[in-house]
Amino acid sequence: MAPMSLETRIARLESYRDICNLQGRYNHYMQTGQLKDKLPELFAFGNPALKAEMADSGLWEGAEGVSRLFSHLGTKYAMPGALMAHLLLTPVLEIGEDNTYARGMWNSFGTNTYLTGTGALKAMWQLGKYDNVFCRENGTWKFLEFRWYVIFRTPYDKGWVEQPIVEGLQMEGFPPVSPLYTPYDPQNPHNAFLPAPPEPGKSLASEKDVSCRSN
């Protein structure tokens, strides 16, 4: 890569800040119940390559599909007594060479509340990983490919070894569960939790797959 000018370096640093703020805003809007109304500010609804997938939700594409996925998420965990508080950890963010696309990865750890079969509230711990592609839409950084890999979603009193997964997003009429859904399994000899983060100084693998430059 050729040496960058000061202006280019500043622009890339600003992109790093803006993308981190975008990811943080998503998490805060989810916790404060604002996510449904904020989706057009966060996601590249004007880009036909838009897609989102969370754990066992299946892959949702386009503005309508992404809206349906997050509407389901908001409805499922909107019961009285709900607590969704997810921390963003271990960020890795790489900006594309022309500063119009980026890939970012974060671990997320936090709490959720779900309803048991008897209708009682139950607390759970949750660990997962975001693996997102970002692009500019009308000069603003937004999510283009949004993925959240679940590692465990366990009742607080049992832990990930005794019961790694409780609850999920898949339901009748949803797209099929994809290979993205590979949670922790205590019977596996090695739980890798791929994919790996983007490598510094290398072209992003998604560069050839996303259309960011016209936005």
N, C-alpha and C. Protein backbone atom coordinates (compact mmCIF):
# COMPACT_ATOMS: atom_id res chain seq x y z
N MET A 1 0.84 -1.19 0.00
CA MET A 1 0.00 0.00 0.00
C MET A 1 0.89 1.25 0.00
N ALA A 2 0.57 2.21 -0.87
CA ALA A 2 1.36 3.43 -0.96
C ALA A 2 1.18 4.25 0.32
N PRO A 3 2.20 5.05 0.67
CA PRO A 3 2.08 5.91 1.85
C PRO A 3 0.84 6.81 1.76
N MET A 4 0.16 6.98 2.87
CA MET A 4 -1.07 7.77 2.88
C MET A 4 -0.77 9.21 3.27
N SER A 5 -1.51 10.11 2.68
CA SER A 5 -1.39 11.52 3.05
C SER A 5 -2.03 11.73 4.42
N LEU A 6 -1.72 12.88 5.01
CA LEU A 6 -2.31 13.21 6.31
C LEU A 6 -3.82 13.27 6.21
N GLU A 7 -4.34 13.83 5.12
CA GLU A 7 -5.79 13.94 4.95
C GLU A 7 -6.44 12.56 4.88
N THR A 8 -5.77 11.63 4.17
CA THR A 8 -6.30 10.28 4.06
C THR A 8 -6.30 9.58 5.41
N ARG A 9 -5.22 9.74 6.16
CA ARG A 9 -5.14 9.12 7.47
C ARG A 9 -6.22 9.65 8.40
N ILE A 10 -6.46 10.96 8.37
CA ILE A 10 -7.50 11.55 9.21
C ILE A 10 -8.87 11.03 8.80
N ALA A 11 -9.11 10.93 7.48
CA ALA A 11 -10.41 10.44 7.01
C ALA A 11 -10.65 9.01 7.47
N ARG A 12 -9.61 8.19 7.45
CA ARG A 12 -9.76 6.80 7.88
C ARG A 12 -9.97 6.71 9.39
N LEU A 13 -9.31 7.55 10.15
CA LEU A 13 -9.55 7.59 11.60
C LEU A 13 -10.98 8.03 11.90
N GLU A 14 -11.49 8.98 11.14
CA GLU A 14 -12.87 9.41 11.33
C GLU A 14 -13.84 8.28 10.99
N SER A 15 -13.50 7.49 9.97
CA SER A 15 -14.33 6.35 9.63
C SER A 15 -14.34 5.32 10.76
N TYR A 16 -13.16 5.08 11.33
CA TYR A 16 -13.07 4.14 12.46
C TYR A 16 -13.99 4.61 13.60
N ARG A 17 -13.92 5.89 13.93
CA ARG A 17 -14.77 6.44 14.99
C ARG A 17 -16.25 6.28 14.64
N ASP A 18 -16.62 6.64 13.41
CA ASP A 18 -18.03 6.62 13.02
C ASP A 18 -18.58 5.20 13.01
N ILE A 19 -17.79 4.23 12.58
CA ILE A 19 -18.27 2.85 12.55
C ILE A 19 -18.41 2.30 13.96
N CYS A 20 -17.45 2.59 14.83
CA CYS A 20 -17.57 2.16 16.23
C CYS A 20 -18.81 2.78 16.89
N ASN A 21 -19.08 4.05 16.59
CA ASN A 21 -20.28 4.70 17.13
C ASN A 21 -21.54 4.06 16.57
N LEU A 22 -21.52 3.68 15.28
CA LEU A 22 -22.66 3.00 14.68
C LEU A 22 -22.96 1.70 15.40
N GLN A 23 -21.94 0.89 15.62
CA GLN A 23 -22.14 -0.37 16.33
C GLN A 23 -22.63 -0.13 17.75
N GLY A 24 -22.07 0.86 18.41
CA GLY A 24 -22.51 1.18 19.77
C GLY A 24 -23.94 1.67 19.81
N ARG A 25 -24.31 2.50 18.84
CA ARG A 25 -25.69 3.00 18.81
C ARG A 25 -26.68 1.86 18.62
N TYR A 26 -26.34 0.92 17.75
CA TYR A 26 -27.21 -0.24 17.58
C TYR A 26 -27.47 -0.91 18.93
N ASN A 27 -26.43 -1.17 19.70
CA ASN A 27 -26.60 -1.83 20.99
C ASN A 27 -27.42 -0.99 21.96
N HIS A 28 -27.16 0.32 22.00
CA HIS A 28 -27.93 1.18 22.90
C HIS A 28 -29.40 1.26 22.47
N TYR A 29 -29.67 1.36 21.18
CA TYR A 29 -31.05 1.44 20.70
C TYR A 29 -31.79 0.14 21.01
N MET A 30 -31.10 -0.99 20.93
CA MET A 30 -31.72 -2.26 21.27
C MET A 30 -32.12 -2.27 22.75
N GLN A 31 -31.24 -1.76 23.62
CA GLN A 31 -31.51 -1.76 25.05
C GLN A 31 -32.61 -0.79 25.44
N THR A 32 -32.75 0.31 24.69
CA THR A 32 -33.71 1.36 25.05
C THR A 32 -35.03 1.24 24.29
N GLY A 33 -35.19 0.17 23.50
CA GLY A 33 -36.44 -0.04 22.77
C GLY A 33 -36.64 0.87 21.57
N GLN A 34 -35.58 1.49 21.07
CA GLN A 34 -35.68 2.40 19.93
C GLN A 34 -35.29 1.77 18.61
N LEU A 35 -34.84 0.52 18.62
CA LEU A 35 -34.20 -0.06 17.44
C LEU A 35 -35.12 -0.07 16.22
N LYS A 36 -36.37 -0.43 16.40
CA LYS A 36 -37.29 -0.52 15.26
C LYS A 36 -37.37 0.80 14.51
N ASP A 37 -37.45 1.91 15.23
CA ASP A 37 -37.57 3.22 14.59
C ASP A 37 -36.24 3.71 14.02
N LYS A 38 -35.13 3.19 14.51
CA LYS A 38 -33.81 3.66 14.11
C LYS A 38 -33.19 2.85 12.98
N LEU A 39 -33.83 1.76 12.54
CA LEU A 39 -33.24 0.89 11.54
C LEU A 39 -32.80 1.63 10.28
N PRO A 40 -33.61 2.57 9.72
CA PRO A 40 -33.17 3.26 8.50
C PRO A 40 -31.91 4.11 8.71
N GLU A 41 -31.65 4.53 9.95
CA GLU A 41 -30.44 5.30 10.23
C GLU A 41 -29.22 4.39 10.34
N LEU A 42 -29.43 3.12 10.64
CA LEU A 42 -28.33 2.21 10.92
C LEU A 42 -27.98 1.30 9.75
N PHE A 43 -28.98 0.91 8.95
CA PHE A 43 -28.79 -0.07 7.91
C PHE A 43 -28.91 0.56 6.52
N ALA A 44 -28.14 0.03 5.56
CA ALA A 44 -28.11 0.57 4.19
C ALA A 44 -29.34 0.10 3.42
N PHE A 45 -30.50 0.65 3.78
CA PHE A 45 -31.75 0.24 3.16
C PHE A 45 -31.78 0.52 1.66
N GLY A 46 -30.96 1.44 1.18
CA GLY A 46 -30.94 1.75 -0.25
C GLY A 46 -30.05 0.84 -1.06
N ASN A 47 -29.39 -0.13 -0.42
CA ASN A 47 -28.45 -1.01 -1.12
C ASN A 47 -29.06 -2.41 -1.25
N PRO A 48 -29.20 -2.93 -2.48
CA PRO A 48 -29.83 -4.25 -2.66
C PRO A 48 -29.02 -5.39 -2.06
N ALA A 49 -27.76 -5.16 -1.71
CA ALA A 49 -26.93 -6.22 -1.12
C ALA A 49 -27.13 -6.35 0.39
N LEU A 50 -28.01 -5.56 0.98
CA LEU A 50 -28.23 -5.59 2.43
C LEU A 50 -28.71 -6.97 2.87
N LYS A 51 -28.15 -7.45 4.00
CA LYS A 51 -28.56 -8.73 4.56
C LYS A 51 -28.27 -8.77 6.05
N ALA A 52 -28.98 -9.62 6.76
CA ALA A 52 -28.76 -9.76 8.21
C ALA A 52 -29.10 -11.18 8.63
N GLU A 53 -28.37 -11.64 9.63
CA GLU A 53 -28.58 -12.98 10.17
C GLU A 53 -28.12 -12.98 11.62
N MET A 54 -28.90 -13.60 12.49
CA MET A 54 -28.57 -13.65 13.91
C MET A 54 -28.80 -15.06 14.42
N ALA A 55 -27.73 -15.73 14.84
CA ALA A 55 -27.83 -17.07 15.42
C ALA A 55 -28.62 -18.00 14.49
N ASP A 56 -29.78 -18.50 14.95
CA ASP A 56 -30.55 -19.45 14.16
C ASP A 56 -31.69 -18.80 13.39
N SER A 57 -31.60 -17.48 13.13
CA SER A 57 -32.70 -16.77 12.47
C SER A 57 -32.84 -17.11 11.00
N GLY A 58 -31.77 -17.65 10.37
CA GLY A 58 -31.75 -17.74 8.92
C GLY A 58 -31.35 -16.39 8.33
N LEU A 59 -31.05 -16.38 7.04
CA LEU A 59 -30.57 -15.17 6.37
C LEU A 59 -31.74 -14.35 5.82
N TRP A 60 -31.76 -13.06 6.18
CA TRP A 60 -32.79 -12.13 5.71
C TRP A 60 -32.13 -11.10 4.82
N GLU A 61 -32.75 -10.81 3.67
CA GLU A 61 -32.13 -9.93 2.69
C GLU A 61 -33.04 -8.75 2.34
N GLY A 62 -32.39 -7.63 1.97
CA GLY A 62 -33.13 -6.43 1.59
C GLY A 62 -33.72 -5.70 2.78
N ALA A 63 -34.18 -4.49 2.53
CA ALA A 63 -34.73 -3.66 3.61
C ALA A 63 -35.93 -4.31 4.28
N GLU A 64 -36.81 -4.91 3.49
CA GLU A 64 -38.00 -5.53 4.07
C GLU A 64 -37.64 -6.73 4.94
N GLY A 65 -36.73 -7.57 4.45
CA GLY A 65 -36.33 -8.74 5.22
C GLY A 65 -35.65 -8.37 6.52
N VAL A 66 -34.72 -7.41 6.47
CA VAL A 66 -34.01 -6.98 7.68
C VAL A 66 -35.00 -6.38 8.68
N SER A 67 -35.95 -5.60 8.20
CA SER A 67 -36.95 -5.02 9.10
C SER A 67 -37.78 -6.10 9.77
N ARG A 68 -38.14 -7.13 9.04
CA ARG A 68 -38.93 -8.22 9.62
C ARG A 68 -38.14 -8.95 10.69
N LEU A 69 -36.86 -9.19 10.44
CA LEU A 69 -36.04 -9.89 11.43
C LEU A 69 -35.98 -9.12 12.74
N PHE A 70 -35.69 -7.82 12.66
CA PHE A 70 -35.53 -7.05 13.89
C PHE A 70 -36.87 -6.74 14.55
N SER A 71 -37.94 -6.72 13.77
CA SER A 71 -39.26 -6.59 14.37
C SER A 71 -39.58 -7.83 15.21
N HIS A 72 -39.23 -9.00 14.69
CA HIS A 72 -39.43 -10.24 15.44
C HIS A 72 -38.59 -10.24 16.72
N LEU A 73 -37.33 -9.82 16.59
CA LEU A 73 -36.46 -9.76 17.76
C LEU A 73 -37.04 -8.84 18.83
N GLY A 74 -37.50 -7.65 18.41
CA GLY A 74 -38.05 -6.69 19.37
C GLY A 74 -39.31 -7.18 20.04
N THR A 75 -40.14 -7.89 19.28
CA THR A 75 -41.40 -8.40 19.84
C THR A 75 -41.14 -9.55 20.81
N LYS A 76 -40.22 -10.42 20.45
CA LYS A 76 -39.96 -11.63 21.25
C LYS A 76 -39.47 -11.28 22.65
N TYR A 77 -38.67 -10.21 22.78
CA TYR A 77 -38.07 -9.89 24.07
C TYR A 77 -38.57 -8.56 24.62
N ALA A 78 -39.84 -8.24 24.32
CA ALA A 78 -40.41 -6.97 24.80
C ALA A 78 -41.34 -7.18 25.98
N MET A 79 -41.27 -8.35 26.60
CA MET A 79 -42.20 -8.63 27.71
C MET A 79 -41.84 -7.80 28.95
N PRO A 80 -42.80 -7.54 29.85
CA PRO A 80 -42.47 -6.86 31.10
C PRO A 80 -41.39 -7.62 31.86
N GLY A 81 -40.40 -6.90 32.35
CA GLY A 81 -39.30 -7.53 33.06
C GLY A 81 -38.13 -7.90 32.18
N ALA A 82 -38.19 -7.57 30.89
CA ALA A 82 -37.09 -7.90 29.98
C ALA A 82 -35.83 -7.12 30.37
N LEU A 83 -34.68 -7.74 30.13
CA LEU A 83 -33.40 -7.07 30.37
C LEU A 83 -32.43 -7.51 29.29
N MET A 84 -32.19 -6.62 28.33
CA MET A 84 -31.18 -6.87 27.29
C MET A 84 -30.07 -5.85 27.48
N ALA A 85 -28.95 -6.30 28.03
CA ALA A 85 -27.79 -5.43 28.26
C ALA A 85 -26.57 -6.16 27.75
N HIS A 86 -26.06 -5.74 26.58
CA HIS A 86 -24.98 -6.46 25.91
C HIS A 86 -23.76 -5.54 25.77
N LEU A 87 -22.63 -6.00 26.27
CA LEU A 87 -21.39 -5.23 26.20
C LEU A 87 -20.65 -5.57 24.91
N LEU A 88 -20.00 -4.55 24.31
CA LEU A 88 -19.17 -4.75 23.13
C LEU A 88 -17.72 -4.89 23.58
N LEU A 89 -17.06 -5.99 23.16
CA LEU A 89 -15.72 -6.30 23.65
C LEU A 89 -14.80 -6.68 22.48
N THR A 90 -13.51 -6.56 22.69
CA THR A 90 -12.45 -6.99 21.78
C THR A 90 -12.67 -6.55 20.33
N PRO A 91 -12.83 -5.25 20.07
CA PRO A 91 -13.09 -4.81 18.70
C PRO A 91 -11.91 -5.01 17.77
N VAL A 92 -12.22 -5.43 16.54
CA VAL A 92 -11.26 -5.46 15.44
C VAL A 92 -11.96 -4.85 14.24
N LEU A 93 -11.42 -3.75 13.71
CA LEU A 93 -12.07 -3.03 12.62
C LEU A 93 -11.03 -2.68 11.57
N GLU A 94 -11.27 -3.10 10.34
CA GLU A 94 -10.37 -2.80 9.23
C GLU A 94 -11.14 -2.03 8.16
N ILE A 95 -10.57 -0.91 7.73
CA ILE A 95 -11.18 -0.04 6.73
C ILE A 95 -10.61 -0.40 5.36
N GLY A 96 -11.48 -0.50 4.34
CA GLY A 96 -11.03 -0.78 2.98
C GLY A 96 -10.16 0.34 2.43
N GLU A 97 -9.40 0.02 1.39
CA GLU A 97 -8.41 0.95 0.88
C GLU A 97 -9.01 2.27 0.41
N ASP A 98 -10.21 2.23 -0.18
CA ASP A 98 -10.79 3.47 -0.68
C ASP A 98 -11.74 4.13 0.32
N ASN A 99 -11.77 3.61 1.56
CA ASN A 99 -12.53 4.24 2.65
C ASN A 99 -14.03 4.30 2.36
N THR A 100 -14.54 3.30 1.63
CA THR A 100 -15.98 3.24 1.38
C THR A 100 -16.60 1.97 1.94
N TYR A 101 -15.79 1.05 2.42
CA TYR A 101 -16.29 -0.19 2.99
C TYR A 101 -15.38 -0.58 4.15
N ALA A 102 -15.88 -1.44 5.02
CA ALA A 102 -15.10 -1.87 6.17
C ALA A 102 -15.70 -3.16 6.71
N ARG A 103 -14.89 -3.88 7.49
CA ARG A 103 -15.36 -5.07 8.18
C ARG A 103 -14.98 -4.96 9.64
N GLY A 104 -15.92 -5.26 10.52
CA GLY A 104 -15.66 -5.15 11.95
C GLY A 104 -16.16 -6.35 12.71
N MET A 105 -15.47 -6.68 13.79
CA MET A 105 -15.82 -7.83 14.61
C MET A 105 -15.72 -7.45 16.08
N TRP A 106 -16.74 -7.83 16.85
CA TRP A 106 -16.76 -7.61 18.29
C TRP A 106 -17.29 -8.86 18.97
N ASN A 107 -16.79 -9.21 20.13
CA ASN A 107 -17.49 -10.13 21.02
C ASN A 107 -18.53 -9.34 21.81
N SER A 108 -19.62 -10.00 22.15
CA SER A 108 -20.63 -9.34 22.97
C SER A 108 -21.04 -10.29 24.09
N PHE A 109 -21.08 -9.74 25.30
CA PHE A 109 -21.46 -10.52 26.47
C PHE A 109 -22.51 -9.74 27.24
N GLY A 110 -23.53 -10.44 27.72
CA GLY A 110 -24.55 -9.71 28.47
C GLY A 110 -25.66 -10.60 28.99
N THR A 111 -26.80 -9.95 29.22
CA THR A 111 -27.95 -10.60 29.83
C THR A 111 -29.16 -10.53 28.90
N ASN A 112 -30.00 -11.52 29.01
CA ASN A 112 -31.32 -11.52 28.39
C ASN A 112 -32.31 -12.10 29.39
N THR A 113 -33.58 -11.85 29.12
CA THR A 113 -34.66 -12.45 29.90
C THR A 113 -35.58 -13.18 28.93
N TYR A 114 -36.03 -14.36 29.31
CA TYR A 114 -36.96 -15.09 28.45
C TYR A 114 -38.08 -15.68 29.29
N LEU A 115 -39.14 -16.11 28.60
CA LEU A 115 -40.29 -16.71 29.28
C LEU A 115 -40.18 -18.23 29.20
N THR A 116 -40.34 -18.90 30.32
CA THR A 116 -40.36 -20.36 30.33
C THR A 116 -41.70 -20.85 29.80
N GLY A 117 -41.82 -22.17 29.68
CA GLY A 117 -43.07 -22.75 29.18
C GLY A 117 -44.26 -22.45 30.07
N THR A 118 -44.01 -22.12 31.34
CA THR A 118 -45.10 -21.78 32.26
C THR A 118 -45.39 -20.29 32.29
N GLY A 119 -44.63 -19.50 31.49
CA GLY A 119 -44.86 -18.06 31.46
C GLY A 119 -44.07 -17.29 32.50
N ALA A 120 -43.18 -17.97 33.22
CA ALA A 120 -42.37 -17.29 34.23
C ALA A 120 -41.14 -16.66 33.57
N LEU A 121 -40.67 -15.56 34.16
CA LEU A 121 -39.45 -14.93 33.68
C LEU A 121 -38.24 -15.73 34.12
N LYS A 122 -37.26 -15.83 33.21
CA LYS A 122 -36.02 -16.54 33.51
C LYS A 122 -34.85 -15.72 33.01
N ALA A 123 -33.81 -15.58 33.83
CA ALA A 123 -32.61 -14.83 33.44
C ALA A 123 -31.63 -15.74 32.72
N MET A 124 -30.89 -15.17 31.77
CA MET A 124 -29.86 -15.95 31.10
C MET A 124 -28.66 -15.08 30.78
N TRP A 125 -27.50 -15.74 30.69
CA TRP A 125 -26.27 -15.14 30.20
C TRP A 125 -26.17 -15.41 28.71
N GLN A 126 -25.54 -14.50 28.00
CA GLN A 126 -25.42 -14.64 26.56
C GLN A 126 -24.05 -14.17 26.09
N LEU A 127 -23.40 -14.98 25.24
CA LEU A 127 -22.12 -14.62 24.63
C LEU A 127 -22.21 -14.88 23.14
N GLY A 128 -21.76 -13.90 22.35
CA GLY A 128 -21.79 -14.06 20.91
C GLY A 128 -20.74 -13.19 20.25
N LYS A 129 -20.79 -13.15 18.92
CA LYS A 129 -19.80 -12.39 18.16
C LYS A 129 -20.46 -11.72 16.97
N TYR A 130 -20.22 -10.42 16.83
CA TYR A 130 -20.65 -9.68 15.65
C TYR A 130 -19.57 -9.80 14.58
N ASP A 131 -20.01 -10.01 13.33
CA ASP A 131 -19.10 -10.02 12.18
C ASP A 131 -19.82 -9.24 11.08
N ASN A 132 -19.51 -7.96 10.94
CA ASN A 132 -20.29 -7.05 10.11
C ASN A 132 -19.48 -6.41 9.00
N VAL A 133 -20.14 -6.17 7.88
CA VAL A 133 -19.58 -5.39 6.79
C VAL A 133 -20.32 -4.06 6.74
N PHE A 134 -19.57 -3.00 6.60
CA PHE A 134 -20.13 -1.65 6.59
C PHE A 134 -19.86 -0.97 5.25
N CYS A 135 -20.75 -0.10 4.84
CA CYS A 135 -20.51 0.70 3.65
C CYS A 135 -21.08 2.10 3.86
N ARG A 136 -20.69 2.99 3.00
CA ARG A 136 -21.24 4.35 3.04
C ARG A 136 -22.52 4.41 2.20
N GLU A 137 -23.54 5.01 2.76
CA GLU A 137 -24.77 5.30 2.03
C GLU A 137 -25.01 6.80 2.13
N ASN A 138 -24.90 7.48 0.99
CA ASN A 138 -25.01 8.95 0.96
C ASN A 138 -24.03 9.59 1.94
N GLY A 139 -22.83 9.03 1.99
CA GLY A 139 -21.77 9.60 2.82
C GLY A 139 -21.76 9.17 4.26
N THR A 140 -22.74 8.36 4.68
CA THR A 140 -22.86 7.94 6.07
C THR A 140 -22.59 6.44 6.20
N TRP A 141 -21.77 6.06 7.17
CA TRP A 141 -21.49 4.64 7.39
C TRP A 141 -22.73 3.92 7.92
N LYS A 142 -23.02 2.74 7.32
CA LYS A 142 -24.16 1.94 7.75
C LYS A 142 -23.82 0.46 7.64
N PHE A 143 -24.64 -0.37 8.28
CA PHE A 143 -24.50 -1.82 8.16
C PHE A 143 -24.93 -2.26 6.76
N LEU A 144 -24.12 -3.08 6.13
CA LEU A 144 -24.49 -3.70 4.86
C LEU A 144 -24.70 -5.21 5.03
N GLU A 145 -23.80 -5.86 5.73
CA GLU A 145 -23.95 -7.28 6.07
C GLU A 145 -23.82 -7.40 7.59
N PHE A 146 -24.89 -7.82 8.22
CA PHE A 146 -24.96 -7.86 9.69
C PHE A 146 -25.09 -9.32 10.11
N ARG A 147 -24.12 -9.79 10.89
CA ARG A 147 -24.17 -11.17 11.38
C ARG A 147 -23.85 -11.19 12.88
N TRP A 148 -24.62 -11.99 13.59
CA TRP A 148 -24.32 -12.22 15.01
C TRP A 148 -24.30 -13.73 15.25
N TYR A 149 -23.12 -14.22 15.63
CA TYR A 149 -22.93 -15.64 15.91
C TYR A 149 -23.12 -15.88 17.41
N VAL A 150 -24.00 -16.79 17.76
CA VAL A 150 -24.18 -17.12 19.17
C VAL A 150 -23.11 -18.13 19.59
N ILE A 151 -22.56 -17.94 20.78
CA ILE A 151 -21.64 -18.91 21.39
C ILE A 151 -22.37 -19.68 22.49
N PHE A 152 -23.01 -18.96 23.41
CA PHE A 152 -23.94 -19.63 24.32
C PHE A 152 -25.03 -18.66 24.73
N ARG A 153 -26.18 -19.23 25.06
CA ARG A 153 -27.32 -18.49 25.64
C ARG A 153 -27.86 -19.42 26.72
N THR A 154 -27.40 -19.23 27.93
CA THR A 154 -27.61 -20.24 28.96
C THR A 154 -28.37 -19.68 30.17
N PRO A 155 -29.25 -20.47 30.79
CA PRO A 155 -29.86 -20.03 32.04
C PRO A 155 -28.78 -19.68 33.06
N TYR A 156 -28.99 -18.59 33.77
CA TYR A 156 -27.94 -18.08 34.67
C TYR A 156 -27.55 -19.09 35.74
N ASP A 157 -28.46 -19.98 36.10
CA ASP A 157 -28.19 -20.92 37.19
C ASP A 157 -27.67 -22.27 36.70
N LYS A 158 -27.47 -22.43 35.39
CA LYS A 158 -26.99 -23.72 34.87
C LYS A 158 -25.62 -23.60 34.22
N GLY A 159 -25.40 -22.57 33.41
CA GLY A 159 -24.10 -22.41 32.77
C GLY A 159 -24.02 -23.10 31.43
N TRP A 160 -22.94 -22.75 30.67
CA TRP A 160 -22.84 -23.19 29.29
C TRP A 160 -22.48 -24.65 29.13
N VAL A 161 -21.93 -25.28 30.15
CA VAL A 161 -21.62 -26.71 30.03
C VAL A 161 -22.89 -27.54 30.21
N GLU A 162 -23.68 -27.20 31.20
CA GLU A 162 -24.90 -27.98 31.47
C GLU A 162 -25.98 -27.72 30.43
N GLN A 163 -26.17 -26.47 30.01
CA GLN A 163 -27.18 -26.13 29.00
C GLN A 163 -26.68 -24.95 28.17
N PRO A 164 -25.93 -25.20 27.10
CA PRO A 164 -25.33 -24.11 26.34
C PRO A 164 -26.33 -23.19 25.65
N ILE A 165 -27.46 -23.75 25.21
CA ILE A 165 -28.41 -22.97 24.43
C ILE A 165 -29.81 -23.12 25.01
N VAL A 166 -30.45 -21.99 25.24
CA VAL A 166 -31.87 -21.96 25.55
C VAL A 166 -32.47 -20.84 24.72
N GLU A 167 -33.63 -21.07 24.21
CA GLU A 167 -34.30 -20.08 23.37
C GLU A 167 -33.60 -19.91 22.01
N GLY A 168 -34.28 -19.27 21.09
CA GLY A 168 -33.74 -18.99 19.77
C GLY A 168 -34.70 -18.12 19.00
N LEU A 169 -34.33 -17.75 17.78
CA LEU A 169 -35.15 -16.88 16.95
C LEU A 169 -35.90 -17.62 15.86
N GLN A 170 -35.48 -18.82 15.51
CA GLN A 170 -36.10 -19.56 14.42
C GLN A 170 -37.56 -19.89 14.74
N MET A 171 -38.42 -19.71 13.74
CA MET A 171 -39.83 -20.07 13.88
C MET A 171 -40.39 -20.42 12.50
N GLU A 172 -41.59 -20.94 12.47
CA GLU A 172 -42.21 -21.37 11.21
C GLU A 172 -42.27 -20.20 10.22
N GLY A 173 -41.89 -20.46 8.99
CA GLY A 173 -41.92 -19.44 7.96
C GLY A 173 -40.62 -18.67 7.81
N PHE A 174 -39.65 -18.89 8.70
CA PHE A 174 -38.36 -18.21 8.62
C PHE A 174 -37.46 -18.91 7.59
N PRO A 175 -36.45 -18.21 7.08
CA PRO A 175 -35.46 -18.88 6.22
C PRO A 175 -34.79 -20.00 7.01
N PRO A 176 -34.27 -21.01 6.31
CA PRO A 176 -33.63 -22.14 7.01
C PRO A 176 -32.42 -21.70 7.81
N VAL A 177 -32.18 -22.40 8.90
CA VAL A 177 -31.00 -22.14 9.72
C VAL A 177 -29.76 -22.43 8.89
N SER A 178 -28.79 -21.53 8.93
CA SER A 178 -27.62 -21.66 8.07
C SER A 178 -26.42 -22.19 8.86
N PRO A 179 -25.29 -22.47 8.17
CA PRO A 179 -24.08 -22.92 8.87
C PRO A 179 -23.51 -21.89 9.83
N LEU A 180 -24.00 -20.66 9.81
CA LEU A 180 -23.57 -19.65 10.78
C LEU A 180 -23.88 -20.11 12.21
N TYR A 181 -24.88 -20.94 12.37
CA TYR A 181 -25.33 -21.35 13.71
C TYR A 181 -24.49 -22.52 14.21
N THR A 182 -23.41 -22.21 14.92
CA THR A 182 -22.52 -23.24 15.47
C THR A 182 -22.17 -22.88 16.91
N PRO A 183 -23.13 -22.96 17.82
CA PRO A 183 -22.86 -22.58 19.22
C PRO A 183 -21.92 -23.55 19.92
N TYR A 184 -21.50 -23.15 21.11
CA TYR A 184 -20.64 -23.98 21.95
C TYR A 184 -21.28 -25.33 22.20
N ASP A 185 -20.47 -26.38 22.11
CA ASP A 185 -20.92 -27.74 22.38
C ASP A 185 -19.90 -28.39 23.31
N PRO A 186 -20.28 -28.72 24.54
CA PRO A 186 -19.31 -29.30 25.48
C PRO A 186 -18.78 -30.65 25.02
N GLN A 187 -19.40 -31.28 24.01
CA GLN A 187 -18.92 -32.56 23.51
C GLN A 187 -17.88 -32.40 22.40
N ASN A 188 -17.72 -31.18 21.86
CA ASN A 188 -16.73 -30.97 20.81
C ASN A 188 -15.32 -30.99 21.39
N PRO A 189 -14.38 -31.61 20.71
CA PRO A 189 -12.99 -31.58 21.20
C PRO A 189 -12.38 -30.19 21.12
N HIS A 190 -12.89 -29.36 20.19
CA HIS A 190 -12.36 -28.00 20.06
C HIS A 190 -13.46 -27.11 19.52
N ASN A 191 -13.82 -26.07 20.28
CA ASN A 191 -14.80 -25.08 19.84
C ASN A 191 -14.04 -23.85 19.34
N ALA A 192 -14.05 -23.62 18.01
CA ALA A 192 -13.20 -22.58 17.42
C ALA A 192 -13.89 -21.23 17.32
N PHE A 193 -15.20 -21.21 17.11
CA PHE A 193 -15.98 -19.97 16.98
C PHE A 193 -15.44 -19.07 15.87
N LEU A 194 -15.26 -19.68 14.70
CA LEU A 194 -14.92 -18.92 13.51
C LEU A 194 -16.12 -18.08 13.08
N PRO A 195 -15.93 -17.04 12.25
CA PRO A 195 -14.73 -16.71 11.49
C PRO A 195 -13.70 -15.93 12.30
N ALA A 196 -12.49 -15.88 11.76
CA ALA A 196 -11.44 -15.08 12.37
C ALA A 196 -11.62 -13.62 11.97
N PRO A 197 -11.03 -12.70 12.73
CA PRO A 197 -11.16 -11.29 12.42
C PRO A 197 -10.40 -10.91 11.15
N PRO A 198 -10.75 -9.80 10.52
CA PRO A 198 -10.02 -9.34 9.34
C PRO A 198 -8.57 -9.04 9.68
N GLU A 199 -7.68 -9.39 8.77
CA GLU A 199 -6.25 -9.21 9.00
C GLU A 199 -5.81 -7.80 8.60
N PRO A 200 -4.90 -7.19 9.35
CA PRO A 200 -4.43 -5.84 9.00
C PRO A 200 -3.62 -5.85 7.71
N GLY A 201 -3.82 -4.79 6.91
CA GLY A 201 -3.02 -4.61 5.72
C GLY A 201 -3.37 -5.52 4.56
N LYS A 202 -4.45 -6.32 4.69
CA LYS A 202 -4.86 -7.20 3.60
C LYS A 202 -6.19 -6.73 3.04
N SER A 203 -6.42 -6.99 1.75
CA SER A 203 -7.70 -6.65 1.15
C SER A 203 -8.82 -7.41 1.86
N LEU A 204 -9.93 -6.76 2.11
CA LEU A 204 -11.04 -7.42 2.78
C LEU A 204 -11.65 -8.46 1.86
N ALA A 205 -11.96 -9.61 2.43
CA ALA A 205 -12.51 -10.70 1.62
C ALA A 205 -13.83 -10.31 0.98
N SER A 206 -14.58 -9.40 1.62
CA SER A 206 -15.89 -9.02 1.10
C SER A 206 -15.83 -7.93 0.06
N GLU A 207 -14.63 -7.42 -0.24
CA GLU A 207 -14.53 -6.29 -1.17
C GLU A 207 -15.17 -6.61 -2.51
N LYS A 208 -14.97 -7.82 -3.02
CA LYS A 208 -15.49 -8.18 -4.33
C LYS A 208 -16.98 -8.47 -4.28
N ASP A 209 -17.56 -8.58 -3.08
CA ASP A 209 -18.95 -8.99 -2.95
C ASP A 209 -19.90 -7.85 -2.64
N VAL A 210 -19.42 -6.72 -2.20
CA VAL A 210 -20.29 -5.63 -1.80
C VAL A 210 -20.18 -4.47 -2.76
N SER A 211 -21.28 -3.71 -2.88
CA SER A 211 -21.32 -2.57 -3.79
C SER A 211 -21.48 -1.30 -2.97
N CYS A 212 -20.34 -0.74 -2.57
CA CYS A 212 -20.38 0.44 -1.71
C CYS A 212 -20.00 1.71 -2.46
N ARG A 213 -19.30 1.57 -3.55
CA ARG A 213 -18.66 2.74 -4.14
C ARG A 213 -19.64 3.72 -4.78
N SER A 214 -20.83 3.24 -5.15
CA SER A 214 -21.78 4.15 -5.79
C SER A 214 -22.67 4.85 -4.79
N ASN A 215 -22.45 4.61 -3.50
CA ASN A 215 -23.30 5.20 -2.46
C ASN A 215 -22.53 6.25 -1.70
